Each structure stands twice: as C-alpha cells, then as structure tokens.
C-alpha cells in the first residue's frame, strides 16, 4: 500500500476558511522551497507550478522526489488520500493536513505514520501558523484603529475615558504579544 495520509474534507468550506488555509499553504510552501525542497505541480514534473486557487490546492515533490500529488478540491469528493513515500514534500503535506483541520477545510485526517514520522511536519505547521497568526494580529490592530477613529470622529458619548483606556490596553497587549512572539490560541 505505501506510506499514505488520508483526509475528510469539511462540508461547506467558507471563503474565509479557504483563504486562511491558502495563506498557510503559500507560506509553508515558500518556507520549504527556501529550505531546498522543490515543490511543483501535482504530477511532479520539472518546470510545472503548484496549483493554488480559490478552489484547489495541488502540489507534489519534483522529479525523483515526487510520488502522488496532494490535492484538495473544494468542489470534489469528500474523502481523499496522498501517498508520499516519505519523500521531501511529505513535511509540507503533513503541515497542510494540520492547517486544513485547524482552519475548517478538513473535518479530519489520518496517516500511516506516527510520532517521528510527523516531527518535521509539526514543526513546519507551528512555524507557519505563528506567522499567519501574527499577520491576523496586524489586521486586528488595523481594525481597532478604524473603530477608534470612527468613535473619535463621531465624538461619541459612548467613548468615555474607560473606553479609550480599554482600546489603548488592547493595543498594548497586541503589541506585547507581537514583540515577544507569544503564542496564544
């Protein structure tokens, strides 16, 4: 049979869930490529590009480091699998399974591997999840600034000293989390 990962696709994947998943996949793929892992299209052919769209994520290792393409299609079957034969791109596949579950693209996953087989994939997942989380924190800070500006512009009676203090406290907390690279879930 071979070393295989399995997954169940979630029903009704939201655009937001897919966008977060796609952001994760792109960042993880870039990380792996910088580490020397060549990631190409689903057939593993030299000179091809992974497919990363609003409907599909599909990639493979390259040449001798390819096996089966990893494919998640929002419009396709619910259940799927990918045999990687523990080749270099397996780390990316495993990290994508973890991210897919986290962001609501997958309802579950399984693997022939265990423990040590998943170590590198877990490391990649944690590293990239932190980057995606910090990116979203930046969006939260921007959103807080917009809310604050609207309240100030309206000279809203809602924004008394306590509200201003609360908004400033949230900003300081977000900045501290970013500064010290603290993880929270």
N, C-alpha and C. Protein backbone atom coordinates (compact mmCIF):
# COMPACT_ATOMS: atom_id res chain seq x y z
N UNK A 1 0.81 -1.19 0.00
CA UNK A 1 0.00 0.00 0.00
C UNK A 1 0.86 1.26 0.00
N UNK A 2 1.86 1.38 0.87
CA UNK A 2 2.72 2.56 0.89
C UNK A 2 2.34 3.53 1.97
N UNK A 3 3.25 4.43 2.27
CA UNK A 3 3.05 5.44 3.30
C UNK A 3 2.05 6.48 2.80
N UNK A 4 0.92 6.58 3.48
CA UNK A 4 -0.21 7.37 2.98
C UNK A 4 -0.81 8.25 4.07
N UNK A 5 -1.28 9.42 3.66
CA UNK A 5 -2.08 10.31 4.51
C UNK A 5 -3.50 10.32 3.93
N UNK A 6 -4.49 10.40 4.82
CA UNK A 6 -5.90 10.37 4.43
C UNK A 6 -6.60 11.58 5.04
N UNK A 7 -7.66 12.05 4.39
CA UNK A 7 -8.41 13.15 4.99
C UNK A 7 -9.85 13.16 4.51
N UNK A 8 -10.68 13.76 5.36
CA UNK A 8 -12.08 14.03 5.04
C UNK A 8 -12.21 15.53 4.89
N UNK A 9 -12.74 15.94 3.76
CA UNK A 9 -12.94 17.37 3.53
C UNK A 9 -14.18 17.81 4.30
N UNK A 10 -14.13 18.99 4.87
CA UNK A 10 -15.29 19.55 5.58
C UNK A 10 -16.38 19.88 4.58
N UNK A 11 -17.61 19.85 5.05
CA UNK A 11 -18.72 20.29 4.22
C UNK A 11 -18.82 21.80 4.32
N UNK A 12 -19.25 22.43 3.25
CA UNK A 12 -19.48 23.88 3.25
C UNK A 12 -18.29 24.68 3.75
N UNK A 13 -17.18 24.56 3.07
CA UNK A 13 -15.97 25.32 3.43
C UNK A 13 -16.23 26.79 3.13
N UNK A 14 -16.06 27.64 4.12
CA UNK A 14 -16.31 29.06 3.92
C UNK A 14 -15.16 29.69 3.14
N UNK A 15 -15.44 30.82 2.52
CA UNK A 15 -14.39 31.55 1.80
C UNK A 15 -13.29 31.99 2.76
N UNK A 16 -13.67 32.39 3.97
CA UNK A 16 -12.68 32.82 4.97
C UNK A 16 -11.78 31.65 5.37
N UNK A 17 -12.37 30.48 5.60
CA UNK A 17 -11.57 29.30 5.98
C UNK A 17 -10.61 28.95 4.85
N UNK A 18 -11.09 28.97 3.62
CA UNK A 18 -10.24 28.64 2.48
C UNK A 18 -9.11 29.66 2.34
N UNK A 19 -9.44 30.93 2.52
CA UNK A 19 -8.41 31.98 2.39
C UNK A 19 -7.31 31.81 3.43
N UNK A 20 -7.67 31.49 4.67
CA UNK A 20 -6.67 31.26 5.71
C UNK A 20 -5.83 30.03 5.38
N UNK A 21 -6.48 28.98 4.93
CA UNK A 21 -5.76 27.76 4.54
C UNK A 21 -4.80 28.04 3.39
N UNK A 22 -5.27 28.75 2.39
CA UNK A 22 -4.44 29.07 1.22
C UNK A 22 -3.24 29.93 1.64
N UNK A 23 -3.46 30.88 2.54
CA UNK A 23 -2.36 31.70 3.05
C UNK A 23 -1.32 30.81 3.72
N UNK A 24 -1.81 29.89 4.56
CA UNK A 24 -0.91 28.95 5.23
C UNK A 24 -0.11 28.15 4.21
N UNK A 25 -0.80 27.56 3.23
CA UNK A 25 -0.13 26.70 2.23
C UNK A 25 0.95 27.49 1.49
N UNK A 26 0.63 28.69 1.07
CA UNK A 26 1.61 29.51 0.34
C UNK A 26 2.85 29.80 1.18
N UNK A 27 2.63 30.18 2.43
CA UNK A 27 3.76 30.48 3.32
C UNK A 27 4.58 29.23 3.62
N UNK A 28 3.90 28.12 3.86
CA UNK A 28 4.60 26.86 4.15
C UNK A 28 5.39 26.40 2.92
N UNK A 29 4.80 26.55 1.76
CA UNK A 29 5.47 26.15 0.52
C UNK A 29 6.72 27.00 0.30
N UNK A 30 6.60 28.30 0.52
CA UNK A 30 7.75 29.19 0.38
C UNK A 30 8.86 28.80 1.35
N UNK A 31 8.47 28.49 2.59
CA UNK A 31 9.44 28.07 3.59
C UNK A 31 10.18 26.80 3.12
N UNK A 32 9.45 25.84 2.63
CA UNK A 32 10.06 24.58 2.19
C UNK A 32 10.96 24.80 0.97
N UNK A 33 10.53 25.65 0.06
CA UNK A 33 11.35 25.94 -1.12
C UNK A 33 12.65 26.63 -0.72
N UNK A 34 12.58 27.54 0.26
CA UNK A 34 13.80 28.19 0.76
C UNK A 34 14.74 27.18 1.41
N UNK A 35 14.16 26.11 1.96
CA UNK A 35 14.97 25.05 2.59
C UNK A 35 15.49 24.04 1.57
N UNK A 36 15.20 24.28 0.29
CA UNK A 36 15.73 23.43 -0.77
C UNK A 36 14.80 22.33 -1.25
N UNK A 37 13.57 22.30 -0.76
CA UNK A 37 12.60 21.30 -1.21
C UNK A 37 11.89 21.87 -2.43
N UNK A 38 12.04 21.21 -3.56
CA UNK A 38 11.40 21.69 -4.78
C UNK A 38 9.96 21.21 -4.82
N UNK A 39 9.03 22.16 -4.88
CA UNK A 39 7.60 21.87 -4.92
C UNK A 39 7.08 22.29 -6.30
N UNK A 40 6.41 21.37 -6.97
CA UNK A 40 5.92 21.63 -8.32
C UNK A 40 4.45 21.22 -8.43
N UNK A 41 3.96 21.16 -9.67
CA UNK A 41 2.57 20.77 -9.92
C UNK A 41 2.28 19.34 -9.49
N UNK A 42 1.01 18.99 -9.51
CA UNK A 42 0.53 17.72 -8.99
C UNK A 42 1.13 16.47 -9.60
N UNK A 43 1.63 16.55 -10.83
CA UNK A 43 2.22 15.37 -11.47
C UNK A 43 3.71 15.22 -11.16
N UNK A 44 4.29 16.20 -10.47
CA UNK A 44 5.70 16.12 -10.07
C UNK A 44 6.68 16.41 -11.19
N UNK A 45 6.21 17.04 -12.25
CA UNK A 45 7.06 17.30 -13.41
C UNK A 45 7.88 18.58 -13.25
N UNK A 46 9.15 18.48 -13.61
CA UNK A 46 10.06 19.62 -13.57
C UNK A 46 9.47 20.76 -14.40
N UNK A 47 9.57 21.98 -13.89
CA UNK A 47 9.12 23.16 -14.64
C UNK A 47 7.65 23.47 -14.49
N UNK A 48 6.92 22.68 -13.72
CA UNK A 48 5.50 22.98 -13.50
C UNK A 48 5.33 23.71 -12.17
N UNK A 49 4.19 24.33 -12.01
CA UNK A 49 3.92 25.09 -10.79
C UNK A 49 2.77 24.47 -10.00
N UNK A 50 2.83 24.60 -8.69
CA UNK A 50 1.70 24.14 -7.87
C UNK A 50 0.44 24.91 -8.26
N UNK A 51 -0.71 24.31 -8.06
CA UNK A 51 -1.98 24.98 -8.32
C UNK A 51 -2.54 25.44 -6.97
N UNK A 52 -2.64 26.75 -6.82
CA UNK A 52 -3.14 27.35 -5.59
C UNK A 52 -4.18 28.39 -5.97
N UNK A 53 -5.45 28.01 -5.92
CA UNK A 53 -6.53 28.89 -6.37
C UNK A 53 -7.62 28.99 -5.31
N UNK A 54 -8.68 29.71 -5.65
CA UNK A 54 -9.80 29.82 -4.72
C UNK A 54 -10.63 28.54 -4.66
N UNK A 55 -10.26 27.51 -5.43
CA UNK A 55 -10.97 26.23 -5.43
C UNK A 55 -10.07 25.03 -5.17
N UNK A 56 -8.76 25.15 -5.48
CA UNK A 56 -7.88 23.98 -5.49
C UNK A 56 -6.52 24.29 -4.87
N UNK A 57 -6.00 23.32 -4.12
CA UNK A 57 -4.60 23.29 -3.70
C UNK A 57 -4.05 21.97 -4.21
N UNK A 58 -3.02 22.02 -5.06
CA UNK A 58 -2.45 20.81 -5.62
C UNK A 58 -0.94 21.00 -5.82
N UNK A 59 -0.16 20.07 -5.27
CA UNK A 59 1.30 20.14 -5.42
C UNK A 59 1.89 18.76 -5.25
N UNK A 60 3.19 18.67 -5.54
CA UNK A 60 3.92 17.41 -5.43
C UNK A 60 5.40 17.77 -5.24
N UNK A 61 6.20 16.79 -4.89
CA UNK A 61 7.64 16.96 -4.95
C UNK A 61 8.05 16.97 -6.41
N UNK A 62 9.32 17.13 -6.67
CA UNK A 62 9.77 17.26 -8.05
C UNK A 62 10.65 16.08 -8.46
N UNK A 63 10.39 15.57 -9.66
CA UNK A 63 11.22 14.51 -10.23
C UNK A 63 11.28 13.28 -9.34
N UNK A 64 12.51 12.87 -8.98
CA UNK A 64 12.68 11.69 -8.13
C UNK A 64 12.10 11.89 -6.74
N UNK A 65 11.89 13.12 -6.33
CA UNK A 65 11.31 13.42 -5.02
C UNK A 65 9.79 13.57 -5.08
N UNK A 66 9.18 13.17 -6.19
CA UNK A 66 7.72 13.21 -6.30
C UNK A 66 7.17 11.82 -6.07
N UNK A 67 5.90 11.77 -5.73
CA UNK A 67 5.21 10.48 -5.60
C UNK A 67 3.79 10.69 -6.09
N UNK A 68 2.85 10.95 -5.19
CA UNK A 68 1.49 11.29 -5.61
C UNK A 68 1.22 12.74 -5.26
N UNK A 69 0.46 13.39 -6.10
CA UNK A 69 0.11 14.78 -5.84
C UNK A 69 -0.83 14.93 -4.65
N UNK A 70 -0.60 15.96 -3.87
CA UNK A 70 -1.50 16.33 -2.78
C UNK A 70 -2.55 17.24 -3.39
N UNK A 71 -3.83 16.87 -3.26
CA UNK A 71 -4.91 17.63 -3.89
C UNK A 71 -6.08 17.79 -2.94
N UNK A 72 -6.46 19.02 -2.70
CA UNK A 72 -7.72 19.32 -2.02
C UNK A 72 -8.49 20.24 -2.96
N UNK A 73 -9.64 19.77 -3.39
CA UNK A 73 -10.51 20.50 -4.30
C UNK A 73 -11.82 20.78 -3.57
N UNK A 74 -12.14 22.05 -3.43
CA UNK A 74 -13.36 22.42 -2.69
C UNK A 74 -14.62 21.80 -3.29
N UNK A 75 -14.61 21.53 -4.57
CA UNK A 75 -15.81 21.04 -5.26
C UNK A 75 -15.82 19.54 -5.49
N UNK A 76 -14.81 18.83 -5.01
CA UNK A 76 -14.68 17.41 -5.32
C UNK A 76 -15.09 16.55 -4.14
N UNK A 77 -14.79 15.27 -4.26
CA UNK A 77 -15.16 14.29 -3.25
C UNK A 77 -14.76 14.72 -1.85
N UNK A 78 -15.49 14.16 -0.91
CA UNK A 78 -15.25 14.48 0.49
C UNK A 78 -13.99 13.80 1.02
N UNK A 79 -13.72 12.57 0.65
CA UNK A 79 -12.61 11.79 1.19
C UNK A 79 -11.50 11.69 0.16
N UNK A 80 -10.25 11.78 0.62
CA UNK A 80 -9.13 11.62 -0.32
C UNK A 80 -7.89 11.14 0.42
N UNK A 81 -6.82 10.93 -0.34
CA UNK A 81 -5.56 10.47 0.25
C UNK A 81 -4.40 10.87 -0.65
N UNK A 82 -3.19 10.75 -0.10
CA UNK A 82 -1.97 11.06 -0.84
C UNK A 82 -0.85 10.18 -0.31
N UNK A 83 -0.24 9.40 -1.20
CA UNK A 83 0.94 8.61 -0.85
C UNK A 83 2.17 9.45 -1.14
N UNK A 84 2.97 9.67 -0.12
CA UNK A 84 4.18 10.49 -0.30
C UNK A 84 5.46 9.66 -0.27
N UNK A 85 5.38 8.41 0.17
CA UNK A 85 6.56 7.55 0.30
C UNK A 85 7.65 8.21 1.15
N UNK A 86 7.23 9.08 2.07
CA UNK A 86 8.14 9.80 2.97
C UNK A 86 9.16 10.66 2.22
N UNK A 87 8.83 11.08 1.03
CA UNK A 87 9.74 11.95 0.27
C UNK A 87 9.70 13.36 0.84
N UNK A 88 10.61 14.21 0.39
CA UNK A 88 10.80 15.54 0.97
C UNK A 88 9.51 16.33 1.15
N UNK A 89 8.60 16.26 0.20
CA UNK A 89 7.41 17.08 0.27
C UNK A 89 6.40 16.58 1.32
N UNK A 90 6.68 15.43 1.94
CA UNK A 90 5.81 14.89 2.98
C UNK A 90 5.64 15.87 4.15
N UNK A 91 6.70 16.59 4.48
CA UNK A 91 6.64 17.58 5.56
C UNK A 91 5.57 18.62 5.26
N UNK A 92 5.54 19.11 4.03
CA UNK A 92 4.55 20.10 3.62
C UNK A 92 3.15 19.50 3.63
N UNK A 93 3.01 18.28 3.14
CA UNK A 93 1.70 17.62 3.13
C UNK A 93 1.16 17.51 4.55
N UNK A 94 1.99 17.03 5.47
CA UNK A 94 1.52 16.85 6.84
C UNK A 94 1.14 18.19 7.48
N UNK A 95 1.95 19.22 7.28
CA UNK A 95 1.64 20.54 7.83
C UNK A 95 0.32 21.06 7.26
N UNK A 96 0.08 20.80 5.98
CA UNK A 96 -1.18 21.24 5.34
C UNK A 96 -2.38 20.49 5.92
N UNK A 97 -2.21 19.23 6.27
CA UNK A 97 -3.31 18.49 6.90
C UNK A 97 -3.67 19.11 8.26
N UNK A 98 -2.65 19.45 9.05
CA UNK A 98 -2.90 20.08 10.33
C UNK A 98 -3.60 21.43 10.15
N UNK A 99 -3.12 22.22 9.19
CA UNK A 99 -3.72 23.53 8.92
C UNK A 99 -5.14 23.37 8.38
N UNK A 100 -5.35 22.40 7.51
CA UNK A 100 -6.68 22.16 6.96
C UNK A 100 -7.69 21.88 8.06
N UNK A 101 -7.30 21.10 9.03
CA UNK A 101 -8.18 20.80 10.16
C UNK A 101 -8.41 22.05 11.01
N UNK A 102 -7.34 22.79 11.27
CA UNK A 102 -7.44 23.99 12.10
C UNK A 102 -8.37 25.03 11.48
N UNK A 103 -8.25 25.26 10.18
CA UNK A 103 -9.00 26.32 9.52
C UNK A 103 -10.37 25.88 9.02
N UNK A 104 -10.74 24.62 9.23
CA UNK A 104 -12.08 24.16 8.86
C UNK A 104 -12.23 23.71 7.42
N UNK A 105 -11.11 23.43 6.76
CA UNK A 105 -11.15 22.89 5.39
C UNK A 105 -11.30 21.37 5.44
N UNK A 106 -10.73 20.76 6.45
CA UNK A 106 -10.83 19.31 6.65
C UNK A 106 -11.61 19.04 7.93
N UNK A 107 -12.41 17.98 7.91
CA UNK A 107 -13.11 17.59 9.13
C UNK A 107 -12.29 16.58 9.92
N UNK A 108 -11.31 15.97 9.28
CA UNK A 108 -10.45 15.01 9.96
C UNK A 108 -9.37 14.51 9.02
N UNK A 109 -8.36 13.86 9.59
CA UNK A 109 -7.27 13.30 8.79
C UNK A 109 -6.67 12.12 9.54
N UNK A 110 -5.93 11.31 8.80
CA UNK A 110 -5.22 10.18 9.38
C UNK A 110 -3.94 9.94 8.60
N UNK A 111 -3.09 9.07 9.12
CA UNK A 111 -1.81 8.83 8.48
C UNK A 111 -1.30 7.44 8.83
N UNK A 112 -0.57 6.85 7.92
CA UNK A 112 0.11 5.59 8.21
C UNK A 112 1.29 5.83 9.16
N UNK A 113 1.75 7.05 9.20
CA UNK A 113 2.90 7.38 10.05
C UNK A 113 2.48 7.68 11.47
N UNK A 114 3.49 7.83 12.31
CA UNK A 114 3.24 8.21 13.70
C UNK A 114 4.50 8.86 14.27
N UNK A 115 4.35 9.49 15.43
CA UNK A 115 5.48 10.05 16.16
C UNK A 115 6.55 10.71 15.33
N UNK A 116 7.68 10.03 15.19
CA UNK A 116 8.84 10.59 14.49
C UNK A 116 8.56 10.92 13.03
N UNK A 117 7.65 10.19 12.41
CA UNK A 117 7.31 10.47 11.00
C UNK A 117 6.74 11.87 10.82
N UNK A 118 6.12 12.40 11.86
CA UNK A 118 5.41 13.67 11.76
C UNK A 118 6.15 14.85 12.37
N UNK A 119 7.32 14.62 12.94
CA UNK A 119 8.04 15.67 13.66
C UNK A 119 8.27 16.91 12.81
N UNK A 120 8.82 16.75 11.62
CA UNK A 120 9.14 17.91 10.77
C UNK A 120 7.87 18.62 10.30
N UNK A 121 6.84 17.86 10.00
CA UNK A 121 5.57 18.47 9.59
C UNK A 121 4.95 19.29 10.70
N UNK A 122 5.04 18.80 11.93
CA UNK A 122 4.52 19.54 13.08
C UNK A 122 5.33 20.82 13.30
N UNK A 123 6.65 20.74 13.14
CA UNK A 123 7.49 21.93 13.30
C UNK A 123 7.11 22.99 12.26
N UNK A 124 6.94 22.55 11.02
CA UNK A 124 6.57 23.49 9.96
C UNK A 124 5.20 24.11 10.25
N UNK A 125 4.27 23.28 10.67
CA UNK A 125 2.93 23.77 10.99
C UNK A 125 2.99 24.85 12.07
N UNK A 126 3.71 24.60 13.16
CA UNK A 126 3.80 25.58 14.24
C UNK A 126 4.46 26.88 13.76
N UNK A 127 5.51 26.74 13.00
CA UNK A 127 6.23 27.92 12.50
C UNK A 127 5.33 28.79 11.62
N UNK A 128 4.66 28.18 10.67
CA UNK A 128 3.83 28.93 9.73
C UNK A 128 2.55 29.42 10.39
N UNK A 129 1.97 28.63 11.29
CA UNK A 129 0.76 29.07 12.00
C UNK A 129 1.03 30.36 12.77
N UNK A 130 2.20 30.42 13.38
CA UNK A 130 2.59 31.63 14.12
C UNK A 130 2.65 32.83 13.17
N UNK A 131 3.21 32.65 11.98
CA UNK A 131 3.31 33.75 11.01
C UNK A 131 1.93 34.19 10.55
N UNK A 132 1.04 33.25 10.30
CA UNK A 132 -0.32 33.59 9.86
C UNK A 132 -1.06 34.29 11.00
N UNK A 133 -0.86 33.82 12.23
CA UNK A 133 -1.50 34.42 13.40
C UNK A 133 -1.05 35.87 13.58
N UNK A 134 0.26 36.12 13.46
CA UNK A 134 0.77 37.48 13.61
C UNK A 134 0.25 38.39 12.51
N UNK A 135 0.11 37.85 11.31
CA UNK A 135 -0.45 38.61 10.20
C UNK A 135 -1.89 39.02 10.54
N UNK A 136 -2.64 38.10 11.11
CA UNK A 136 -4.01 38.40 11.51
C UNK A 136 -4.05 39.39 12.66
N UNK A 137 -3.05 39.34 13.55
CA UNK A 137 -2.97 40.34 14.62
C UNK A 137 -2.81 41.73 14.04
N UNK A 138 -2.00 41.84 12.98
CA UNK A 138 -1.84 43.14 12.33
C UNK A 138 -3.18 43.64 11.83
N UNK A 139 -3.99 42.73 11.27
CA UNK A 139 -5.32 43.10 10.81
C UNK A 139 -6.18 43.55 11.98
N UNK A 140 -6.05 42.88 13.14
CA UNK A 140 -6.81 43.26 14.33
C UNK A 140 -6.43 44.66 14.79
N UNK A 141 -5.13 44.97 14.77
CA UNK A 141 -4.68 46.31 15.16
C UNK A 141 -5.26 47.34 14.21
N UNK A 142 -5.22 47.06 12.91
CA UNK A 142 -5.79 47.98 11.92
C UNK A 142 -7.28 48.17 12.17
N UNK A 143 -7.99 47.09 12.47
CA UNK A 143 -9.42 47.15 12.72
C UNK A 143 -9.71 47.98 13.98
N UNK A 144 -8.92 47.78 15.03
CA UNK A 144 -9.08 48.57 16.25
C UNK A 144 -8.86 50.05 15.96
N UNK A 145 -7.86 50.36 15.15
CA UNK A 145 -7.59 51.76 14.81
C UNK A 145 -8.77 52.37 14.07
N UNK A 146 -9.37 51.62 13.16
CA UNK A 146 -10.54 52.12 12.42
C UNK A 146 -11.70 52.40 13.37
N UNK A 147 -11.95 51.49 14.29
CA UNK A 147 -13.04 51.67 15.25
C UNK A 147 -12.77 52.90 16.12
N UNK A 148 -11.53 53.01 16.59
CA UNK A 148 -11.17 54.15 17.42
C UNK A 148 -11.37 55.47 16.67
N UNK A 149 -10.93 55.50 15.41
CA UNK A 149 -11.06 56.72 14.61
C UNK A 149 -12.52 57.08 14.39
N UNK A 150 -13.37 56.08 14.16
CA UNK A 150 -14.80 56.34 13.97
C UNK A 150 -15.41 56.92 15.23
N UNK A 151 -15.04 56.35 16.39
CA UNK A 151 -15.58 56.85 17.65
C UNK A 151 -15.13 58.28 17.91
N UNK A 152 -13.87 58.56 17.65
CA UNK A 152 -13.34 59.91 17.87
C UNK A 152 -13.99 60.89 16.90
N UNK A 153 -14.13 60.49 15.62
CA UNK A 153 -14.72 61.36 14.60
C UNK A 153 -16.17 61.71 14.96
N UNK A 154 -16.88 60.74 15.50
CA UNK A 154 -18.28 60.99 15.87
C UNK A 154 -18.40 61.72 17.20
N UNK A 155 -17.29 61.82 17.92
CA UNK A 155 -17.31 62.37 19.28
C UNK A 155 -18.42 61.69 20.06
N UNK A 156 -18.41 60.39 19.92
CA UNK A 156 -19.46 59.57 20.50
C UNK A 156 -19.48 59.67 22.02
N UNK A 157 -20.69 59.80 22.57
CA UNK A 157 -20.78 59.78 24.03
C UNK A 157 -20.41 58.39 24.58
N UNK A 158 -20.38 57.40 23.69
CA UNK A 158 -20.01 56.05 24.11
C UNK A 158 -18.55 56.01 24.54
N UNK A 159 -17.71 56.80 23.86
CA UNK A 159 -16.28 56.73 24.15
C UNK A 159 -15.93 57.68 25.27
N UNK A 160 -16.06 57.19 26.45
CA UNK A 160 -15.63 57.96 27.61
C UNK A 160 -14.20 57.53 27.95
N UNK A 161 -13.72 57.96 29.06
CA UNK A 161 -12.35 57.64 29.46
C UNK A 161 -12.10 56.15 29.56
N UNK A 162 -13.10 55.39 30.05
CA UNK A 162 -12.92 53.95 30.19
C UNK A 162 -12.77 53.27 28.83
N UNK A 163 -13.56 53.71 27.84
CA UNK A 163 -13.47 53.11 26.51
C UNK A 163 -12.11 53.38 25.89
N UNK A 164 -11.63 54.62 26.03
CA UNK A 164 -10.32 54.96 25.48
C UNK A 164 -9.24 54.13 26.18
N UNK A 165 -9.36 53.98 27.48
CA UNK A 165 -8.41 53.18 28.25
C UNK A 165 -8.43 51.72 27.78
N UNK A 166 -9.63 51.17 27.54
CA UNK A 166 -9.77 49.79 27.07
C UNK A 166 -9.10 49.60 25.70
N UNK A 167 -9.38 50.51 24.78
CA UNK A 167 -8.80 50.40 23.44
C UNK A 167 -7.28 50.49 23.52
N UNK A 168 -6.76 51.39 24.32
CA UNK A 168 -5.31 51.52 24.47
C UNK A 168 -4.72 50.25 25.08
N UNK A 169 -5.41 49.66 26.05
CA UNK A 169 -4.95 48.42 26.67
C UNK A 169 -4.90 47.27 25.68
N UNK A 170 -5.89 47.17 24.83
CA UNK A 170 -5.90 46.12 23.81
C UNK A 170 -4.73 46.31 22.85
N UNK A 171 -4.51 47.54 22.42
CA UNK A 171 -3.38 47.82 21.52
C UNK A 171 -2.05 47.43 22.17
N UNK A 172 -1.87 47.79 23.44
CA UNK A 172 -0.63 47.46 24.15
C UNK A 172 -0.46 45.95 24.27
N UNK A 173 -1.54 45.24 24.53
CA UNK A 173 -1.47 43.79 24.64
C UNK A 173 -1.05 43.16 23.32
N UNK A 174 -1.66 43.61 22.24
CA UNK A 174 -1.32 43.06 20.92
C UNK A 174 0.14 43.35 20.59
N UNK A 175 0.59 44.57 20.87
CA UNK A 175 1.98 44.92 20.60
C UNK A 175 2.94 44.06 21.42
N UNK A 176 2.60 43.81 22.68
CA UNK A 176 3.46 42.97 23.54
C UNK A 176 3.51 41.54 23.02
N UNK A 177 2.38 41.02 22.60
CA UNK A 177 2.36 39.66 22.05
C UNK A 177 3.24 39.58 20.81
N UNK A 178 3.16 40.60 19.98
CA UNK A 178 3.96 40.61 18.76
C UNK A 178 5.45 40.75 19.11
N UNK A 179 5.77 41.65 20.03
CA UNK A 179 7.16 41.90 20.40
C UNK A 179 7.84 40.66 20.95
N UNK A 180 7.15 39.94 21.81
CA UNK A 180 7.75 38.78 22.45
C UNK A 180 7.39 37.46 21.77
N UNK A 181 6.72 37.58 20.62
CA UNK A 181 6.38 36.40 19.81
C UNK A 181 5.67 35.33 20.64
N UNK A 182 4.71 35.77 21.44
CA UNK A 182 3.98 34.86 22.32
C UNK A 182 2.86 34.21 21.54
N UNK A 183 2.75 32.89 21.70
CA UNK A 183 1.69 32.14 21.04
C UNK A 183 0.46 32.13 21.93
N UNK A 184 -0.70 32.27 21.29
CA UNK A 184 -1.94 32.07 22.01
C UNK A 184 -2.95 31.49 21.03
N UNK A 185 -3.88 30.75 21.54
CA UNK A 185 -4.86 30.08 20.68
C UNK A 185 -6.26 30.39 21.14
